[in-house]
Amino acid sequence: MSIRLKIILIVLPLIVASIALAGLSSYFVAAQAVTRIATEFLSFKASELEKYAESQWGLLVDNGFAGRPDMEAAARAAVESFAGSIRRSPTEAIIAADAEGRLQMRSGPDAGRLAGPLGEALAAEEAAALASLGRAGSSGFGSFRLGGVDRVASYFPFPAFGWTVLVSEEKGAFYGEVESIFRSSLEILAGAALVSVLLLLAFATYLTKPLESVSSAMRRIIASGDLSERVPVEYDDEIGQLSHTFNLMLGELGKAYSQIKRYAFDAVVAQKKETKIRNIFQLYVPKDVIESYFQNPEAMLVGSNRPVAVLFSDIRSFTTISESMEPDVLVTALNRYFALMVDTIMDRGGVVDKYIGDAIMAMFGAPTKHEDDALRAVLAGLEMTEALEVFNMEQEARGMPPFRIGVGINYGVVTVGNIGCEKKMNYTLIGDPVNLASRLEGATKLYKQPILFSQDAHERVKDAIRCRLVDRIQVKGKTEGVRVYTARTMLGPDEERAWTISEEAAAAYYGRDFRRAADGFRELLSILPGDHVAQLFLERSDRFMKSPPPPEWNGVEVLTEK
């Protein structure tokens, strides 16, 4: 917004407000005076009409004609004639209504419309207003609607004839002079405002012309970037001082400009280097970890304890596979396999911690925590086995052996952070839950299951996916047993029935009802003949029926291999 416009916007309201206050004051004084005179004029006519009607009635009484219909009609006619004689405006109307609301006298341009009994020519609300006024028997001044026209009237009762008389004028005519004064006031106000704007515009232009000259020179300097140009000093006042100060600033900016360009160039080079470093290290360290390090380098060696889902996967018999393939072909296949598995893990929000030969270690919940990290890990494991089927189809098409994997998952509190020293460190996690996840991955070989996960993970996923208890085991290096489970994203009708039987048979097995357990697992094998878990439990149940376990037996199988 220009200074010129600001001056106008500041000063104009003050001038307009002053003019408006003066005009409104004059308007209200004139309007009140006009309204008072008009009101008194109507009231005067009503008073004169009332006096004339009383004189006519007095003549009837004095001459003993009161009560004679013909004489009273003559008196009423005289009153109506007098009412017509005192009308001065073509819009005036003088009427009289009886207590029942019927019009008894009318004089004025609306006489035709007002003729007849009340209700025939007037609206119901108009009739009700006149009837109510007649019952009240009071005099005064008010607003009425008669014959569809808004009117103001001075009214009085005349009991001798049983009338209520109204001397009325149309509202538009009554307040016409007031409205004329209002329009004139608005015209004067608009004219004064226009003159004020023109004067202010000329005055503001005179004041701001020097500033515009300085501003124009500044814009040319900024647009051209020529810091050698100077603003002309034309005035010996504050504006001249501003021009001189700006010229001094240009000289200092010219000195600093070369330094600024050098710093900008160095900053661009540094930013490109940083971006390149980030892109390289994102191949080794999660992006969130890199961002946190750049924001807070002092926290690089600080770890934290948090609940995390840990996933281990491994290729079965990889040594045998590698011996049957050329090294370059093996590396190509392994890279395709890792790309597929890593995409699956990252799509579920996981982070690949490291590659251990052909094995993958991943985490869910670090560095970014989710409420469903355990479920993300299990779903990622199931999707890895599904993605492997696509990979093996490609392997078969290339004439190469298929891969088989096992996935182990555990959920628990681990220490996560940068482990190592300033010269060499690794963002990873350590703790007993990590070891158990690794042992579960190894146990997939024993139970011939593509995926196994712990009871801690099961508690967090059981409501979302279909799970099956595989066994109670004590892995190597542990002193307590844990339940381990497997899962599928979808089951067929036979598998659904078999898994239900497995739950019932396992419950009987751990309840030492080995005969019922054996019957259940035999039934399961009749549905799924190749089910290895059922075969293991059947063999144990048959063995325990012949030689029952000791009383302290808790059903935990101790695994001696990793």
Protein backbone atom coordinates (compact mmCIF):
# COMPACT_ATOMS: atom_id res chain seq x y z
CA MET A 1 0.00 0.00 0.00
CA SER A 2 1.45 3.38 -1.04
CA ILE A 3 2.08 6.24 1.38
CA ARG A 4 -0.29 8.39 -0.64
CA LEU A 5 -3.10 5.92 -0.09
CA LYS A 6 -2.22 5.63 3.59
CA ILE A 7 -2.48 9.41 4.02
CA ILE A 8 -5.89 9.41 2.36
CA LEU A 9 -7.10 6.43 4.41
CA ILE A 10 -5.98 8.10 7.65
CA VAL A 11 -7.14 11.67 7.06
CA LEU A 12 -10.29 11.05 4.99
CA PRO A 13 -12.20 9.20 7.75
CA LEU A 14 -11.51 12.09 10.13
CA ILE A 15 -12.90 14.64 7.68
CA VAL A 16 -15.85 12.48 6.65
CA ALA A 17 -16.64 11.67 10.29
CA SER A 18 -16.71 15.38 11.16
CA ILE A 19 -18.92 16.23 8.20
CA ALA A 20 -21.15 13.24 8.94
CA LEU A 21 -21.59 14.22 12.58
CA ALA A 22 -22.47 17.79 11.63
CA GLY A 23 -24.84 16.65 8.88
CA LEU A 24 -26.53 14.04 11.04
CA SER A 25 -26.97 16.52 13.87
CA SER A 26 -28.61 18.99 11.48
CA TYR A 27 -30.73 16.21 10.00
CA PHE A 28 -32.01 15.01 13.36
CA VAL A 29 -32.80 18.54 14.54
CA ALA A 30 -34.65 19.37 11.31
CA ALA A 31 -36.42 15.99 11.25
CA GLN A 32 -37.62 16.38 14.81
CA ALA A 33 -38.84 19.90 14.10
CA VAL A 34 -40.70 18.88 10.95
CA THR A 35 -42.21 15.83 12.63
CA ARG A 36 -43.31 17.89 15.65
CA ILE A 37 -44.98 20.53 13.46
CA ALA A 38 -46.74 17.89 11.34
CA THR A 39 -47.94 16.07 14.43
CA GLU A 40 -49.20 19.26 16.05
CA PHE A 41 -50.98 20.19 12.80
CA LEU A 42 -52.87 16.88 12.70
CA SER A 43 -53.66 17.19 16.40
CA PHE A 44 -54.91 20.76 15.86
CA LYS A 45 -57.25 19.59 13.10
CA ALA A 46 -58.51 16.79 15.35
CA SER A 47 -59.10 19.32 18.14
CA GLU A 48 -61.02 21.66 15.83
CA LEU A 49 -63.10 18.78 14.50
CA GLU A 50 -63.84 17.65 18.02
CA LYS A 51 -64.97 21.18 19.00
CA TYR A 52 -67.21 21.41 15.93
CA ALA A 53 -68.80 18.03 16.63
CA GLU A 54 -69.47 19.04 20.24
CA SER A 55 -71.07 22.30 19.04
CA GLN A 56 -73.38 20.36 16.68
CA TRP A 57 -74.39 18.02 19.46
CA GLY A 58 -74.92 20.97 21.76
CA LEU A 59 -77.36 22.50 19.27
CA LEU A 60 -79.35 19.25 19.20
CA VAL A 61 -79.51 19.11 22.97
CA ASP A 62 -80.34 22.80 23.41
CA ASN A 63 -83.17 22.60 20.88
CA GLY A 64 -84.51 19.30 22.18
CA PHE A 65 -83.68 17.43 18.98
CA ALA A 66 -81.45 14.85 20.63
CA GLY A 67 -82.78 11.40 19.95
CA ARG A 68 -84.41 12.31 16.64
CA PRO A 69 -82.76 10.25 13.88
CA ASP A 70 -83.29 12.85 11.18
CA MET A 71 -81.78 15.65 13.22
CA GLU A 72 -78.83 13.51 14.38
CA ALA A 73 -78.19 12.48 10.77
CA ALA A 74 -78.13 16.15 9.81
CA ALA A 75 -75.65 16.86 12.60
CA ARG A 76 -73.43 13.99 11.46
CA ALA A 77 -73.57 15.26 7.90
CA ALA A 78 -72.53 18.70 9.13
CA VAL A 79 -69.57 17.20 10.98
CA GLU A 80 -68.56 15.24 7.86
CA SER A 81 -68.84 18.39 5.76
CA PHE A 82 -66.64 20.28 8.23
CA ALA A 83 -64.13 17.42 8.16
CA GLY A 84 -63.92 17.77 4.38
CA SER A 85 -63.38 21.53 4.69
CA ILE A 86 -60.38 21.23 7.00
CA ARG A 87 -58.54 18.76 4.72
CA ARG A 88 -55.54 20.49 3.15
CA SER A 89 -53.62 17.57 1.64
CA PRO A 90 -54.87 15.26 -1.13
CA THR A 91 -53.57 12.32 0.89
CA GLU A 92 -55.40 13.21 4.11
CA ALA A 93 -58.31 11.06 5.22
CA ILE A 94 -60.75 11.69 8.10
CA ILE A 95 -62.88 8.77 9.22
CA ALA A 96 -65.13 7.80 12.13
CA ALA A 97 -65.98 4.26 13.27
CA ASP A 98 -68.54 3.07 15.78
CA ALA A 99 -67.89 0.68 18.66
CA GLU A 100 -68.64 -2.28 16.39
CA GLY A 101 -66.00 -1.13 13.95
CA ARG A 102 -68.33 0.05 11.19
CA LEU A 103 -67.36 3.22 9.34
CA GLN A 104 -69.81 6.05 10.01
CA MET A 105 -67.92 8.92 8.37
CA ARG A 106 -65.20 9.15 5.73
CA SER A 107 -63.65 12.10 3.98
CA GLY A 108 -60.69 11.99 1.67
CA PRO A 109 -59.30 10.25 -1.45
CA ASP A 110 -59.78 6.83 0.13
CA ALA A 111 -63.48 7.35 0.81
CA GLY A 112 -64.48 4.96 -1.95
CA ARG A 113 -62.15 2.23 -0.71
CA LEU A 114 -63.22 2.75 2.87
CA ALA A 115 -66.95 2.78 2.12
CA GLY A 116 -69.20 0.08 3.44
CA PRO A 117 -69.30 -1.96 6.65
CA LEU A 118 -65.96 -2.83 8.22
CA GLY A 119 -64.64 -6.04 6.79
CA GLU A 120 -66.08 -5.56 3.31
CA ALA A 121 -63.40 -3.14 2.19
CA LEU A 122 -60.78 -3.34 4.99
CA ALA A 123 -58.58 -6.25 6.01
CA ALA A 124 -59.45 -8.19 9.16
CA GLU A 125 -56.48 -6.81 11.10
CA GLU A 126 -57.48 -3.25 10.15
CA ALA A 127 -61.01 -3.92 11.38
CA ALA A 128 -59.73 -5.35 14.64
CA ALA A 129 -57.53 -2.29 15.25
CA LEU A 130 -60.47 0.16 14.81
CA ALA A 131 -62.78 -1.93 16.98
CA SER A 132 -60.14 -2.12 19.73
CA LEU A 133 -59.62 1.64 19.53
CA GLY A 134 -63.37 2.25 19.86
CA ARG A 135 -63.64 0.02 22.93
CA ALA A 136 -60.71 1.77 24.60
CA GLY A 137 -62.38 5.19 24.22
CA SER A 138 -59.05 7.06 24.47
CA SER A 139 -57.47 9.84 22.41
CA GLY A 140 -53.92 10.22 21.13
CA PHE A 141 -51.59 9.85 18.15
CA GLY A 142 -50.51 6.62 16.46
CA SER A 143 -49.87 4.55 13.32
CA PHE A 144 -52.60 2.61 11.53
CA ARG A 145 -53.17 0.68 8.33
CA LEU A 146 -56.38 1.64 6.53
CA GLY A 147 -57.39 0.38 3.14
CA GLY A 148 -53.98 -1.23 2.66
CA VAL A 149 -52.14 2.08 3.24
CA ASP A 150 -49.90 2.85 6.23
CA ARG A 151 -51.08 6.07 7.91
CA VAL A 152 -50.45 8.21 11.00
CA ALA A 153 -53.45 9.67 12.76
CA SER A 154 -54.58 11.82 15.66
CA TYR A 155 -57.70 10.25 17.13
CA PHE A 156 -60.35 11.01 19.78
CA PRO A 157 -63.62 9.43 20.95
CA PHE A 158 -66.98 11.16 20.48
CA PRO A 159 -69.42 9.33 22.77
CA ALA A 160 -72.45 11.37 21.70
CA PHE A 161 -72.42 9.72 18.26
CA GLY A 162 -70.65 6.56 19.50
CA TRP A 163 -67.69 7.37 17.26
CA THR A 164 -63.94 7.15 17.32
CA VAL A 165 -62.65 9.81 14.94
CA LEU A 166 -59.27 9.61 13.16
CA VAL A 167 -57.65 12.54 11.36
CA SER A 168 -54.97 10.73 9.31
CA GLU A 169 -52.23 11.30 6.76
CA GLU A 170 -50.27 8.79 4.65
CA LYS A 171 -46.92 7.94 6.23
CA GLY A 172 -45.07 8.68 3.01
CA ALA A 173 -46.55 12.17 2.83
CA PHE A 174 -46.28 12.76 6.59
CA TYR A 175 -42.53 11.97 6.64
CA GLY A 176 -41.88 13.24 3.11
CA GLU A 177 -40.09 16.39 4.25
CA VAL A 178 -37.99 14.36 6.69
CA GLU A 179 -36.90 12.03 3.90
CA SER A 180 -36.12 15.03 1.69
CA ILE A 181 -33.90 16.43 4.43
CA PHE A 182 -32.20 13.02 4.76
CA ARG A 183 -31.49 12.84 1.02
CA SER A 184 -30.12 16.36 1.04
CA SER A 185 -27.86 15.50 3.98
CA LEU A 186 -26.51 12.46 2.11
CA GLU A 187 -25.86 14.54 -1.01
CA ILE A 188 -24.01 17.16 1.01
CA LEU A 189 -21.98 14.45 2.77
CA ALA A 190 -21.07 12.76 -0.54
CA GLY A 191 -20.07 16.07 -2.09
CA ALA A 192 -17.95 17.00 0.91
CA ALA A 193 -16.27 13.59 0.87
CA LEU A 194 -15.50 13.90 -2.86
CA VAL A 195 -13.97 17.34 -2.42
CA SER A 196 -11.97 16.03 0.56
CA VAL A 197 -10.63 13.11 -1.48
CA LEU A 198 -9.53 15.39 -4.31
CA LEU A 199 -7.80 17.79 -1.93
CA LEU A 200 -6.14 14.95 -0.03
CA LEU A 201 -5.00 13.33 -3.27
CA ALA A 202 -3.35 16.57 -4.40
CA PHE A 203 -1.75 17.10 -0.99
CA ALA A 204 -0.53 13.48 -0.72
CA THR A 205 0.93 13.65 -4.24
CA TYR A 206 2.88 16.76 -3.30
CA LEU A 207 4.24 15.06 -0.19
CA THR A 208 5.10 11.68 -1.75
CA LYS A 209 6.57 12.81 -5.05
CA PRO A 210 10.12 13.03 -3.63
CA LEU A 211 9.76 9.57 -2.05
CA GLU A 212 8.63 8.11 -5.36
CA SER A 213 11.72 9.52 -7.02
CA VAL A 214 13.98 7.83 -4.45
CA SER A 215 11.99 4.58 -4.64
CA SER A 216 12.21 4.50 -8.45
CA ALA A 217 16.00 4.88 -8.31
CA MET A 218 16.23 2.10 -5.72
CA ARG A 219 14.17 -0.26 -7.89
CA ARG A 220 16.45 0.37 -10.87
CA ILE A 221 19.49 -0.47 -8.78
CA ILE A 222 17.90 -3.65 -7.44
CA ALA A 223 16.71 -4.76 -10.89
CA SER A 224 20.06 -4.16 -12.58
CA GLY A 225 22.22 -5.32 -9.67
CA ASP A 226 24.52 -2.40 -10.42
CA LEU A 227 25.69 -1.36 -6.97
CA SER A 228 27.75 1.45 -8.49
CA GLU A 229 24.63 3.48 -9.29
CA ARG A 230 23.55 6.06 -6.72
CA VAL A 231 20.27 7.64 -5.67
CA PRO A 232 20.14 11.39 -6.48
CA VAL A 233 20.05 13.63 -3.38
CA GLU A 234 17.55 16.33 -4.42
CA TYR A 235 16.12 17.51 -1.09
CA ASP A 236 17.68 18.97 2.00
CA ASP A 237 15.36 17.23 4.43
CA GLU A 238 14.67 13.78 5.87
CA ILE A 239 14.19 12.39 2.34
CA GLY A 240 17.57 13.74 1.32
CA GLN A 241 19.12 12.10 4.39
CA LEU A 242 17.44 8.83 3.41
CA SER A 243 18.95 9.02 -0.08
CA HIS A 244 22.41 9.75 1.29
CA THR A 245 22.17 6.86 3.77
CA PHE A 246 21.06 4.50 1.00
CA ASN A 247 24.07 5.50 -1.09
CA LEU A 248 26.36 4.67 1.84
CA MET A 249 24.66 1.29 2.20
CA LEU A 250 25.18 0.57 -1.50
CA GLY A 251 28.90 1.14 -1.08
CA GLU A 252 29.09 -1.34 1.80
CA LEU A 253 26.97 -3.87 -0.08
CA GLY A 254 29.29 -3.63 -3.06
CA LYS A 255 32.19 -4.59 -0.82
CA ALA A 256 30.30 -7.50 0.70
CA TYR A 257 28.78 -8.77 -2.54
CA SER A 258 31.87 -10.68 -3.64
CA GLN A 259 32.07 -12.36 -0.23
CA ILE A 260 28.39 -13.29 -0.38
CA LYS A 261 28.83 -14.91 -3.80
CA ARG A 262 31.81 -16.90 -2.53
CA TYR A 263 29.92 -18.05 0.55
CA ALA A 264 26.87 -19.01 -1.57
CA PHE A 265 29.06 -21.06 -3.90
CA ASP A 266 30.69 -22.84 -0.94
CA ALA A 267 27.25 -23.53 0.57
CA VAL A 268 25.95 -25.10 -2.67
CA VAL A 269 29.03 -27.30 -2.93
CA ALA A 270 28.68 -28.35 0.71
CA GLN A 271 24.98 -29.11 0.27
CA LYS A 272 25.67 -31.30 -2.75
CA LYS A 273 28.33 -33.16 -0.81
CA GLU A 274 25.98 -33.65 2.13
CA THR A 275 23.21 -34.93 -0.17
CA LYS A 276 25.62 -37.36 -1.79
CA ILE A 277 26.80 -38.59 1.61
CA ARG A 278 23.20 -39.02 2.79
CA ASN A 279 22.28 -41.02 -0.31
CA ILE A 280 25.30 -43.28 0.13
CA PHE A 281 24.80 -43.89 3.83
CA GLN A 282 21.08 -44.58 3.41
CA LEU A 283 22.20 -47.83 1.84
CA TYR A 284 23.71 -48.79 5.20
CA VAL A 285 21.83 -46.79 7.84
CA PRO A 286 18.08 -46.00 8.03
CA LYS A 287 17.11 -42.56 6.74
CA ASP A 288 15.48 -41.58 10.05
CA VAL A 289 18.70 -42.40 11.89
CA ILE A 290 20.76 -40.26 9.51
CA GLU A 291 18.38 -37.32 9.96
CA SER A 292 18.56 -37.60 13.75
CA TYR A 293 22.36 -37.67 13.60
CA PHE A 294 22.55 -34.50 11.52
CA GLN A 295 20.22 -32.78 13.98
CA ASN A 296 21.94 -34.07 17.12
CA PRO A 297 25.43 -35.48 16.49
CA GLU A 298 26.14 -35.70 20.25
CA ALA A 299 23.54 -38.46 20.59
CA MET A 300 25.23 -40.77 18.08
CA LEU A 301 26.59 -43.17 20.71
CA VAL A 302 23.55 -43.12 22.99
CA GLY A 303 21.30 -46.17 23.00
CA SER A 304 17.76 -46.65 24.30
CA ASN A 305 15.55 -49.51 25.45
CA ARG A 306 12.32 -49.98 23.55
CA PRO A 307 9.94 -52.76 22.48
CA VAL A 308 10.79 -53.97 18.99
CA ALA A 309 9.74 -56.81 16.70
CA VAL A 310 12.85 -58.65 15.43
CA LEU A 311 12.78 -60.69 12.20
CA PHE A 312 15.39 -63.18 11.01
CA SER A 313 15.23 -64.94 7.65
CA ASP A 314 17.66 -67.44 6.15
CA ILE A 315 17.96 -69.40 2.91
CA ARG A 316 17.82 -73.16 3.44
CA SER A 317 20.79 -75.21 2.23
CA PHE A 318 22.43 -72.16 0.73
CA THR A 319 25.85 -73.83 0.73
CA THR A 320 24.50 -76.61 -1.48
CA ILE A 321 22.85 -74.07 -3.79
CA SER A 322 26.01 -71.98 -4.07
CA GLU A 323 28.09 -75.03 -5.02
CA SER A 324 25.81 -75.70 -7.98
CA MET A 325 25.99 -72.17 -9.42
CA GLU A 326 28.68 -70.00 -10.92
CA PRO A 327 29.77 -67.15 -8.58
CA ASP A 328 28.57 -64.33 -10.82
CA VAL A 329 25.24 -66.08 -11.43
CA LEU A 330 24.90 -66.74 -7.70
CA VAL A 331 25.55 -63.08 -6.83
CA THR A 332 23.01 -61.93 -9.41
CA ALA A 333 20.35 -64.31 -8.06
CA LEU A 334 21.18 -63.37 -4.47
CA ASN A 335 20.86 -59.66 -5.25
CA ARG A 336 17.47 -60.23 -6.90
CA TYR A 337 16.39 -62.21 -3.85
CA PHE A 338 17.58 -59.52 -1.40
CA ALA A 339 15.89 -56.75 -3.42
CA LEU A 340 12.57 -58.61 -3.27
CA MET A 341 12.81 -59.41 0.44
CA VAL A 342 13.99 -55.92 1.44
CA ASP A 343 11.15 -54.25 -0.50
CA THR A 344 8.68 -56.50 1.30
CA ILE A 345 10.14 -55.60 4.70
CA MET A 346 10.28 -51.87 4.01
CA ASP A 347 6.74 -51.82 2.59
CA ARG A 348 5.61 -52.90 6.06
CA GLY A 349 7.64 -50.16 7.77
CA GLY A 350 10.55 -52.37 8.74
CA VAL A 351 14.26 -51.56 8.67
CA VAL A 352 16.92 -54.01 7.47
CA ASP A 353 19.55 -54.09 10.20
CA LYS A 354 22.15 -56.19 8.41
CA TYR A 355 22.88 -59.08 6.08
CA ILE A 356 24.53 -62.07 7.73
CA GLY A 357 25.74 -63.99 4.73
CA ASP A 358 22.50 -65.09 3.07
CA ALA A 359 20.46 -64.22 6.18
CA ILE A 360 18.52 -61.00 6.79
CA MET A 361 18.04 -59.34 10.17
CA ALA A 362 15.29 -56.69 10.30
CA MET A 363 13.54 -54.69 12.98
CA PHE A 364 10.09 -53.15 13.33
CA GLY A 365 9.72 -50.34 15.87
CA ALA A 366 13.10 -48.63 15.54
CA PRO A 367 13.99 -45.96 14.81
CA THR A 368 10.26 -45.23 14.20
CA LYS A 369 7.73 -46.84 16.54
CA HIS A 370 4.28 -48.05 15.45
CA GLU A 371 1.44 -49.42 17.55
CA ASP A 372 1.29 -52.59 15.45
CA ASP A 373 4.99 -53.37 14.97
CA ALA A 374 4.51 -57.07 15.85
CA LEU A 375 1.72 -57.43 13.28
CA ARG A 376 3.81 -55.61 10.67
CA ALA A 377 6.67 -58.04 11.25
CA VAL A 378 4.49 -61.17 10.99
CA LEU A 379 2.74 -59.89 7.86
CA ALA A 380 6.12 -59.03 6.35
CA GLY A 381 7.32 -62.57 7.08
CA LEU A 382 4.25 -64.10 5.43
CA GLU A 383 4.59 -61.79 2.42
CA MET A 384 8.28 -62.73 2.12
CA THR A 385 7.28 -66.38 1.72
CA GLU A 386 4.68 -65.39 -0.88
CA ALA A 387 7.18 -63.19 -2.75
CA LEU A 388 9.61 -66.11 -2.73
CA GLU A 389 7.18 -68.10 -4.88
CA VAL A 390 7.40 -65.41 -7.59
CA PHE A 391 11.19 -65.40 -7.26
CA ASN A 392 11.34 -69.20 -7.65
CA MET A 393 9.22 -69.04 -10.80
CA GLU A 394 11.86 -66.71 -12.25
CA GLN A 395 14.60 -69.06 -11.02
CA GLU A 396 12.94 -71.99 -12.73
CA ALA A 397 12.58 -69.99 -15.96
CA ARG A 398 16.33 -69.22 -15.81
CA GLY A 399 17.18 -72.87 -15.19
CA MET A 400 18.43 -72.19 -11.64
CA PRO A 401 17.53 -73.97 -8.36
CA PRO A 402 14.75 -72.54 -6.19
CA PHE A 403 15.35 -70.92 -2.78
CA ARG A 404 13.66 -72.01 0.44
CA ILE A 405 13.62 -69.75 3.49
CA GLY A 406 12.68 -69.79 7.16
CA VAL A 407 11.48 -66.72 9.07
CA GLY A 408 11.70 -66.30 12.86
CA ILE A 409 10.06 -63.39 14.70
CA ASN A 410 10.10 -62.26 18.32
CA TYR A 411 8.77 -59.21 20.13
CA GLY A 412 10.35 -57.72 23.23
CA VAL A 413 12.36 -54.93 24.81
CA VAL A 414 15.85 -54.56 23.35
CA THR A 415 18.64 -52.01 23.42
CA VAL A 416 18.69 -50.13 20.13
CA GLY A 417 21.15 -47.50 18.96
CA ASN A 418 24.64 -47.07 17.61
CA ILE A 419 26.85 -49.83 18.91
CA GLY A 420 30.57 -49.39 18.53
CA CYS A 421 33.00 -46.50 18.82
CA GLU A 422 33.73 -43.23 17.05
CA LYS A 423 35.88 -44.98 14.43
CA LYS A 424 33.40 -47.73 13.64
CA MET A 425 29.80 -48.07 14.69
CA ASN A 426 26.63 -49.82 13.60
CA TYR A 427 23.00 -48.88 14.19
CA THR A 428 21.61 -52.14 15.51
CA LEU A 429 19.86 -53.76 18.43
CA ILE A 430 21.01 -56.22 21.06
CA GLY A 431 19.29 -58.21 23.78
CA ASP A 432 17.81 -61.57 24.60
CA PRO A 433 14.74 -61.07 22.32
CA VAL A 434 17.14 -60.82 19.37
CA ASN A 435 18.69 -64.18 20.22
CA LEU A 436 15.28 -65.84 20.54
CA ALA A 437 14.22 -64.53 17.10
CA SER A 438 17.37 -66.06 15.62
CA ARG A 439 16.68 -69.40 17.37
CA LEU A 440 13.09 -69.41 16.08
CA GLU A 441 14.36 -68.94 12.54
CA GLY A 442 16.56 -72.00 13.05
CA ALA A 443 13.63 -73.96 14.50
CA THR A 444 11.69 -73.59 11.25
CA LYS A 445 13.91 -76.37 9.88
CA LEU A 446 12.86 -78.78 12.64
CA TYR A 447 9.13 -78.04 12.33
CA LYS A 448 9.22 -77.62 8.53
CA GLN A 449 7.33 -74.31 8.79
CA PRO A 450 8.10 -71.25 6.68
CA ILE A 451 7.53 -68.91 9.65
CA LEU A 452 7.62 -69.19 13.45
CA PHE A 453 7.02 -66.45 16.00
CA SER A 454 7.02 -66.23 19.79
CA GLN A 455 4.12 -66.05 22.22
CA ASP A 456 4.89 -62.35 22.89
CA ALA A 457 4.37 -61.64 19.20
CA HIS A 458 1.32 -63.93 19.12
CA GLU A 459 -0.42 -61.91 21.84
CA ARG A 460 -0.24 -58.85 19.57
CA VAL A 461 -1.32 -60.47 16.29
CA LYS A 462 -3.81 -63.18 17.25
CA ASP A 463 -6.84 -60.95 16.68
CA ALA A 464 -5.69 -59.93 13.21
CA ILE A 465 -4.50 -63.14 11.52
CA ARG A 466 -5.09 -66.90 11.83
CA CYS A 467 -2.45 -68.48 14.07
CA ARG A 468 -1.57 -72.06 15.04
CA LEU A 469 0.33 -73.28 18.09
CA VAL A 470 3.33 -75.25 16.86
CA ASP A 471 5.00 -76.29 20.12
CA ARG A 472 6.38 -75.30 23.50
CA ILE A 473 10.13 -75.17 23.18
CA GLN A 474 13.24 -74.25 25.11
CA VAL A 475 15.84 -73.03 22.64
CA LYS A 476 19.54 -73.39 23.18
CA GLY A 477 20.85 -70.83 25.63
CA LYS A 478 17.47 -70.36 27.35
CA THR A 479 16.31 -71.80 30.67
CA GLU A 480 12.55 -71.36 30.15
CA GLY A 481 10.18 -72.62 27.51
CA VAL A 482 8.10 -70.46 25.21
CA ARG A 483 5.12 -71.15 22.98
CA VAL A 484 5.83 -70.78 19.29
CA TYR A 485 3.26 -70.21 16.58
CA THR A 486 2.91 -70.10 12.85
CA ALA A 487 0.36 -68.25 10.73
CA ARG A 488 -1.13 -68.01 7.28
CA THR A 489 -2.75 -65.08 5.50
CA MET A 490 -5.48 -67.38 4.16
CA LEU A 491 -6.65 -70.95 4.85
CA GLY A 492 -8.65 -73.30 2.68
CA PRO A 493 -11.64 -75.20 4.12
CA ASP A 494 -9.54 -78.33 4.86
CA GLU A 495 -6.77 -76.29 6.46
CA GLU A 496 -9.25 -74.34 8.56
CA ARG A 497 -10.78 -77.57 9.87
CA ALA A 498 -7.35 -79.12 10.46
CA TRP A 499 -6.07 -76.10 12.41
CA THR A 500 -9.15 -76.19 14.64
CA ILE A 501 -8.53 -79.89 15.34
CA SER A 502 -4.87 -79.04 16.05
CA GLU A 503 -5.89 -76.55 18.76
CA GLU A 504 -8.11 -79.14 20.49
CA ALA A 505 -5.55 -81.95 20.18
CA ALA A 506 -2.71 -79.71 21.47
CA ALA A 507 -4.84 -78.74 24.48
CA ALA A 508 -5.40 -82.45 25.23
CA TYR A 509 -1.68 -83.16 24.77
CA TYR A 510 -0.58 -80.49 27.26
CA GLY A 511 -3.37 -81.66 29.58
CA ARG A 512 -1.72 -85.18 29.59
CA ASP A 513 -4.71 -86.73 27.76
CA PHE A 514 -2.39 -88.39 25.24
CA ARG A 515 -4.96 -90.84 23.85
CA ARG A 516 -7.36 -88.05 22.93
CA ALA A 517 -4.44 -86.03 21.57
CA ALA A 518 -3.29 -88.95 19.40
CA ASP A 519 -6.80 -89.44 18.02
CA GLY A 520 -7.01 -85.73 17.19
CA PHE A 521 -3.68 -85.63 15.39
CA ARG A 522 -4.53 -88.80 13.45
CA GLU A 523 -7.73 -87.14 12.28
CA LEU A 524 -5.71 -84.04 11.32
CA LEU A 525 -3.29 -86.19 9.29
CA SER A 526 -6.20 -87.76 7.47
CA ILE A 527 -7.11 -84.24 6.30
CA LEU A 528 -3.57 -82.94 5.77
CA PRO A 529 -1.37 -86.07 5.29
CA GLY A 530 1.85 -84.12 5.02
CA ASP A 531 1.45 -82.01 8.19
CA HIS A 532 4.83 -82.36 9.96
CA VAL A 533 3.73 -80.71 13.23
CA ALA A 534 0.84 -83.16 13.62
CA GLN A 535 3.21 -86.07 12.90
CA LEU A 536 5.60 -84.91 15.65
CA PHE A 537 2.79 -84.59 18.22
CA LEU A 538 1.36 -87.98 17.22
CA GLU A 539 4.72 -89.66 17.76
CA ARG A 540 5.09 -88.00 21.17
CA SER A 541 1.53 -88.91 22.18
CA ASP A 542 2.05 -92.58 21.22
CA ARG A 543 5.33 -92.61 23.15
CA PHE A 544 3.79 -91.04 26.27
CA MET A 545 0.84 -93.47 26.21
CA LYS A 546 3.36 -96.31 26.53
CA SER A 547 5.66 -94.49 28.92
CA PRO A 548 3.99 -91.52 30.66
CA PRO A 549 6.19 -88.48 31.42
CA PRO A 550 7.12 -87.59 35.03
CA PRO A 551 4.71 -85.46 37.12
CA GLU A 552 6.82 -82.33 36.65
CA TRP A 553 6.55 -82.61 32.86
CA ASN A 554 5.27 -79.33 31.31
CA GLY A 555 5.31 -80.26 27.63
CA VAL A 556 8.38 -78.15 26.79
CA GLU A 557 10.72 -79.56 24.16
CA VAL A 558 14.37 -78.70 24.71
CA LEU A 559 16.18 -77.89 21.46
CA THR A 560 19.89 -78.65 21.48
CA GLU A 561 20.69 -77.09 18.10
CA LYS A 562 20.62 -73.48 16.97
